[in-house]
Protein backbone atom coordinates (compact mmCIF):
# COMPACT_ATOMS: atom_id res chain seq x y z
CA MET A 1 -14.10 50.68 27.83
CA LYS A 2 -15.65 49.14 24.73
CA SER A 3 -12.42 49.75 22.78
CA ARG A 4 -10.37 47.94 25.43
CA LYS A 5 -12.79 45.01 25.27
CA TYR A 6 -12.35 44.78 21.48
CA ASN A 7 -8.57 44.93 21.87
CA VAL A 8 -8.62 42.04 24.33
CA SER A 9 -10.83 40.04 21.98
CA ALA A 10 -8.45 40.70 19.08
CA ILE A 11 -5.47 39.59 21.15
CA VAL A 12 -7.25 36.38 22.15
CA PHE A 13 -8.27 35.71 18.53
CA TYR A 14 -4.77 36.16 17.12
CA SER A 15 -3.27 34.15 19.97
CA VAL A 16 -5.53 31.24 19.07
CA ILE A 17 -4.47 31.56 15.41
CA LEU A 18 -0.80 31.52 16.45
CA LEU A 19 -1.31 28.41 18.56
CA ILE A 20 -3.03 26.65 15.66
CA VAL A 21 -0.14 27.50 13.35
CA LEU A 22 2.42 26.26 15.88
CA TYR A 23 0.41 23.07 16.33
CA HIS A 24 0.45 22.43 12.58
CA GLN A 25 4.20 22.96 12.37
CA LEU A 26 5.09 20.90 15.43
CA SER A 27 2.76 18.00 14.64
CA PHE A 28 4.12 17.73 11.09
CA ALA A 29 7.74 17.95 12.29
CA GLN A 30 7.09 15.24 14.87
CA GLN A 31 5.56 13.00 12.23
CA GLY A 32 8.73 13.12 10.12
CA CYS A 33 6.53 12.65 7.09
CA SER A 34 8.34 11.56 3.93
CA ILE A 35 7.13 9.56 0.96
CA ILE A 36 9.42 6.70 -0.04
CA ALA A 37 8.59 3.96 -2.51
CA THR A 38 9.50 0.45 -1.45
CA GLY A 39 8.68 -3.21 -1.97
CA SER A 40 7.60 -4.85 -5.22
CA CYS A 41 7.40 -1.74 -7.37
CA GLY A 42 5.16 0.00 -4.85
CA ILE A 43 4.95 3.49 -3.35
CA GLN A 44 4.60 3.75 0.42
CA GLY A 45 3.73 6.72 2.64
CA CYS A 46 5.54 7.95 5.71
CA THR A 47 5.74 5.69 8.75
CA ASP A 48 3.08 7.37 10.88
CA ILE A 49 0.51 7.40 8.08
CA ASN A 50 1.25 4.08 6.36
CA VAL A 51 -0.10 5.06 2.94
CA SER A 52 0.99 2.53 0.32
CA SER A 53 0.10 1.39 -3.17
CA SER A 54 1.47 -0.91 -5.82
CA THR A 55 2.58 0.52 -9.15
CA ASN A 56 3.24 -0.71 -12.66
CA GLU A 57 6.00 1.86 -13.09
CA THR A 58 9.68 0.96 -12.69
CA SER A 59 11.09 4.51 -12.66
CA ARG A 60 10.00 8.07 -11.82
CA THR A 61 7.80 8.54 -14.90
CA HIS A 62 4.91 11.02 -15.18
CA ASN A 63 2.48 8.30 -14.14
CA ALA A 64 4.62 7.48 -11.09
CA ILE A 65 4.76 11.19 -10.15
CA LEU A 66 0.96 11.46 -10.32
CA GLN A 67 0.56 8.31 -8.25
CA ALA A 68 3.06 9.56 -5.67
CA ALA A 69 1.26 12.90 -5.61
CA GLY A 70 -2.01 11.17 -4.79
CA LEU A 71 -0.42 9.26 -1.92
CA ILE A 72 1.29 12.35 -0.57
CA CYS A 73 -1.97 14.30 -0.79
CA SER A 74 -3.68 11.58 1.23
CA ALA A 75 -0.93 11.89 3.84
CA ILE A 76 -1.20 15.68 3.93
CA ASN A 77 -4.99 15.57 4.22
CA ASP A 78 -4.82 13.15 7.14
CA SER A 79 -5.36 15.14 10.33
CA SER A 80 -2.55 13.16 12.00
CA CYS A 81 -0.15 15.02 9.75
CA GLY A 82 -1.48 18.32 11.07
CA TYR A 83 -1.74 19.92 7.65
CA THR A 84 -5.28 21.29 7.39
CA ASP A 85 -6.63 24.75 8.13
CA PHE A 86 -9.96 26.58 8.25
CA PHE A 87 -10.49 25.83 4.54
CA GLY A 88 -10.05 22.07 5.01
CA PRO A 89 -7.46 19.72 3.43
CA VAL A 90 -4.96 21.39 1.11
CA CYS A 91 -5.20 18.90 -1.76
CA LEU A 92 -8.99 18.99 -1.91
CA ASP A 93 -9.32 22.73 -2.43
CA SER A 94 -11.95 23.62 -5.06
CA TYR A 95 -9.70 26.40 -6.40
CA MET A 96 -6.73 24.10 -7.01
CA HIS A 97 -4.61 24.72 -10.14
CA ASN A 98 -2.47 21.85 -11.50
CA SER A 99 0.54 22.25 -13.78
CA TRP A 100 3.77 20.61 -14.99
CA SER A 101 7.09 22.47 -15.05
CA SER A 102 9.88 22.05 -17.59
CA SER A 103 12.05 20.55 -14.85
CA GLY A 104 9.62 17.63 -14.40
CA CYS A 105 7.68 18.84 -11.36
CA TYR A 106 3.94 18.38 -10.87
CA SER A 107 2.53 21.33 -8.93
CA GLN A 108 -0.76 22.23 -7.24
CA ILE A 109 -1.53 25.78 -6.07
CA THR A 110 -4.60 26.18 -3.86
CA PHE A 111 -5.93 29.72 -3.71
CA GLY A 112 -8.42 28.94 -0.94
CA HIS A 113 -5.50 28.23 1.40
CA LEU A 114 -3.90 31.63 1.00
CA GLY A 115 -1.71 30.43 -1.84
CA ALA A 116 -0.73 27.03 -0.40
CA SER A 117 1.37 25.00 -2.83
CA PHE A 118 2.25 21.34 -3.24
CA GLU A 119 4.87 19.88 -5.58
CA VAL A 120 6.22 16.44 -6.54
CA CYS A 121 9.29 16.28 -8.80
CA SER A 122 10.92 13.70 -11.03
CA ASN A 123 14.19 14.11 -9.10
CA GLY A 124 12.60 12.27 -6.16
CA THR A 125 11.62 15.22 -3.97
CA TRP A 126 8.33 16.74 -2.81
CA SER A 127 7.44 19.85 -0.86
CA CYS A 128 4.39 21.44 0.74
CA ALA A 129 4.05 25.12 1.59
CA ASN A 130 1.17 26.54 3.62
CA TYR A 131 2.06 28.03 6.99
CA ASN A 132 5.59 26.75 6.53
CA VAL A 133 7.59 24.70 4.03
CA PHE A 134 7.84 20.92 4.52
CA GLN A 135 9.63 18.51 2.24
CA GLY A 136 10.51 14.87 1.74
CA THR A 137 11.65 12.30 -0.78
CA TRP A 138 10.01 9.62 -2.89
CA ASP A 139 11.14 6.98 -5.36
CA VAL A 140 10.09 3.92 -7.31
CA VAL A 141 12.02 0.91 -6.08
CA CYS A 142 11.54 -2.61 -7.36
CA PRO A 143 12.82 -5.81 -5.78
CA PRO A 144 16.16 -7.06 -7.04
CA THR A 145 15.82 -9.31 -10.06
CA LEU A 146 17.54 -12.64 -10.53
CA ILE A 147 18.65 -11.27 -13.88
CA ASN A 148 21.75 -9.10 -13.79
CA LEU A 149 21.08 -6.98 -16.85
CA ALA A 150 24.20 -5.33 -18.28
CA SER A 151 22.53 -3.34 -21.07
CA PHE A 152 19.27 -2.83 -22.97
CA THR A 153 19.30 -0.72 -26.14
CA ALA A 154 17.04 0.20 -29.04
CA THR A 155 18.78 1.07 -32.33
CA PRO A 156 16.70 2.74 -35.08
CA LYS A 157 17.07 1.68 -38.70
CA ALA A 158 15.02 2.31 -41.83
CA GLY A 159 11.63 0.70 -41.18
CA LYS A 160 12.75 -1.25 -38.14
CA VAL A 161 14.14 -1.06 -34.60
CA ILE A 162 16.82 -3.46 -33.39
CA LEU A 163 16.51 -4.31 -29.68
CA GLN A 164 19.57 -5.77 -27.98
CA TRP A 165 20.26 -6.70 -24.40
CA ASN A 166 23.06 -8.40 -22.51
CA THR A 167 23.01 -10.15 -19.17
CA GLU A 168 25.92 -10.76 -16.81
CA SER A 169 24.18 -13.64 -15.05
CA GLU A 170 20.78 -15.38 -14.99
CA ILE A 171 19.31 -17.44 -12.18
CA ASP A 172 16.12 -19.49 -12.76
CA ASN A 173 15.31 -17.40 -15.82
CA ALA A 174 12.66 -18.80 -18.19
CA GLY A 175 12.94 -16.10 -20.85
CA PHE A 176 12.00 -12.61 -22.01
CA ASN A 177 9.15 -10.60 -23.51
CA ILE A 178 9.28 -7.28 -25.37
CA TYR A 179 6.61 -4.61 -24.86
CA ARG A 180 6.11 -1.54 -27.06
CA SER A 181 4.26 1.76 -26.69
CA GLU A 182 3.95 4.95 -28.71
CA SER A 183 4.43 7.10 -25.60
CA GLU A 184 6.64 6.67 -22.55
CA ASP A 185 3.73 6.61 -20.12
CA GLY A 186 1.26 4.94 -22.48
CA GLN A 187 -0.12 1.43 -22.74
CA TYR A 188 2.58 -1.18 -23.56
CA THR A 189 1.70 -4.18 -25.72
CA LYS A 190 3.70 -7.39 -26.02
CA ILE A 191 5.12 -7.69 -29.54
CA ASN A 192 6.89 -11.07 -29.45
CA THR A 193 4.70 -14.06 -30.25
CA ASP A 194 6.55 -16.61 -28.12
CA LEU A 195 8.66 -16.27 -25.00
CA ILE A 196 12.26 -15.53 -25.96
CA PRO A 197 14.09 -18.43 -24.27
CA ALA A 198 16.84 -17.78 -21.73
CA LYS A 199 20.41 -18.63 -22.73
CA GLY A 200 22.39 -17.51 -19.68
CA ALA A 201 23.31 -19.17 -16.41
CA SER A 202 24.20 -18.19 -12.84
CA THR A 203 27.89 -17.90 -13.75
CA GLN A 204 27.53 -16.73 -17.34
CA GLY A 205 25.43 -14.13 -19.11
CA ALA A 206 24.18 -14.05 -22.69
CA SER A 207 23.43 -11.68 -25.58
CA TYR A 208 19.99 -11.28 -27.16
CA GLU A 209 18.51 -9.50 -30.14
CA PHE A 210 14.95 -8.85 -31.28
CA ILE A 211 14.01 -6.93 -34.46
CA ASP A 212 10.76 -4.98 -34.54
CA ASN A 213 9.76 -4.66 -38.20
CA ASN A 214 6.25 -3.39 -37.53
CA VAL A 215 7.16 0.30 -37.22
CA GLN A 216 6.88 3.53 -39.21
CA ASN A 217 9.73 5.87 -40.06
CA ARG A 218 9.92 9.21 -38.21
CA LYS A 219 7.80 7.88 -35.37
CA THR A 220 9.17 7.31 -31.86
CA TYR A 221 8.58 4.00 -30.11
CA TYR A 222 9.19 3.02 -26.49
CA TYR A 223 10.17 -0.47 -25.38
CA LYS A 224 10.25 -2.38 -22.11
CA LEU A 225 12.00 -5.68 -21.50
CA GLU A 226 10.35 -8.24 -19.24
CA ASP A 227 12.16 -11.24 -17.79
CA ILE A 228 10.13 -14.18 -16.46
CA ASP A 229 11.55 -16.52 -13.84
CA LEU A 230 10.72 -20.22 -13.56
CA ASN A 231 7.89 -19.42 -11.12
CA GLY A 232 6.29 -17.05 -13.60
CA THR A 233 7.29 -13.89 -11.71
CA PRO A 234 7.94 -10.96 -14.11
CA THR A 235 10.45 -8.12 -13.78
CA ILE A 236 10.30 -5.09 -16.06
CA HIS A 237 13.32 -3.16 -17.41
CA GLY A 238 13.34 0.10 -19.32
CA PRO A 239 11.89 1.86 -21.14
CA VAL A 240 14.24 2.65 -24.03
CA SER A 241 13.20 4.50 -27.16
CA ALA A 242 14.05 4.75 -30.86
CA THR A 243 12.84 6.68 -33.91
CA PRO A 244 13.37 4.75 -37.19
CA ARG A 245 14.28 6.89 -40.22
CA LEU A 246 14.78 6.23 -43.90
CA ILE A 247 18.23 7.85 -43.76
CA CYS A 248 20.11 8.17 -40.47
CA GLY A 249 20.72 11.74 -39.35
CA ILE A 250 17.73 13.23 -41.19
CA ARG A 251 14.91 14.48 -38.96
């Protein structure tokens, strides 16, 4: 009699667990959660959660991935997304292990959640695996600029880097600034003293050149181009990189 009572209790317990799992899966599926960046260089969460944040990044850099990961974690940890269990929110697990893969993915593995994993990749995808696997997309999207930029290049020379850019058209453009950093995701500093004046027009582009002489050979530099419209609104392009060398072809 006692054995039958225990069996009934076990059936009830596992039935409750199954219902919880189904609830998690259905609630997440109904949410349609995906992370898509939008607006003025900002990252925005899925519609039902409305997580958003501005960003200084203009492409899917490491910094942008980490920022997107934080937003996605917030969305996952929100109970409306139905992605918590007895251990609490997935992204707040005290036994969380973070890592980067060679393919450009930022991963979190949470041992407290029976091996739950969370991943955001530079190819614009993300996925979460706990009771099931869920996935979505993300991106860094900036508003269209009034500058139609045809090209932006950095050419290394001995003791200098030649920056060149060409526009196809320019509307209400005041000019350009050049920013430099010693790492792609590092702090960029403006290196031109004065605003580089615009030369193009709405029906005609122009060619520009700026020479950075304040560099060291065998050291890689990263550059961003900023255009400023007549209202003072900036738009960032790049980055591009170059490694000046004493003799080309020698590493």
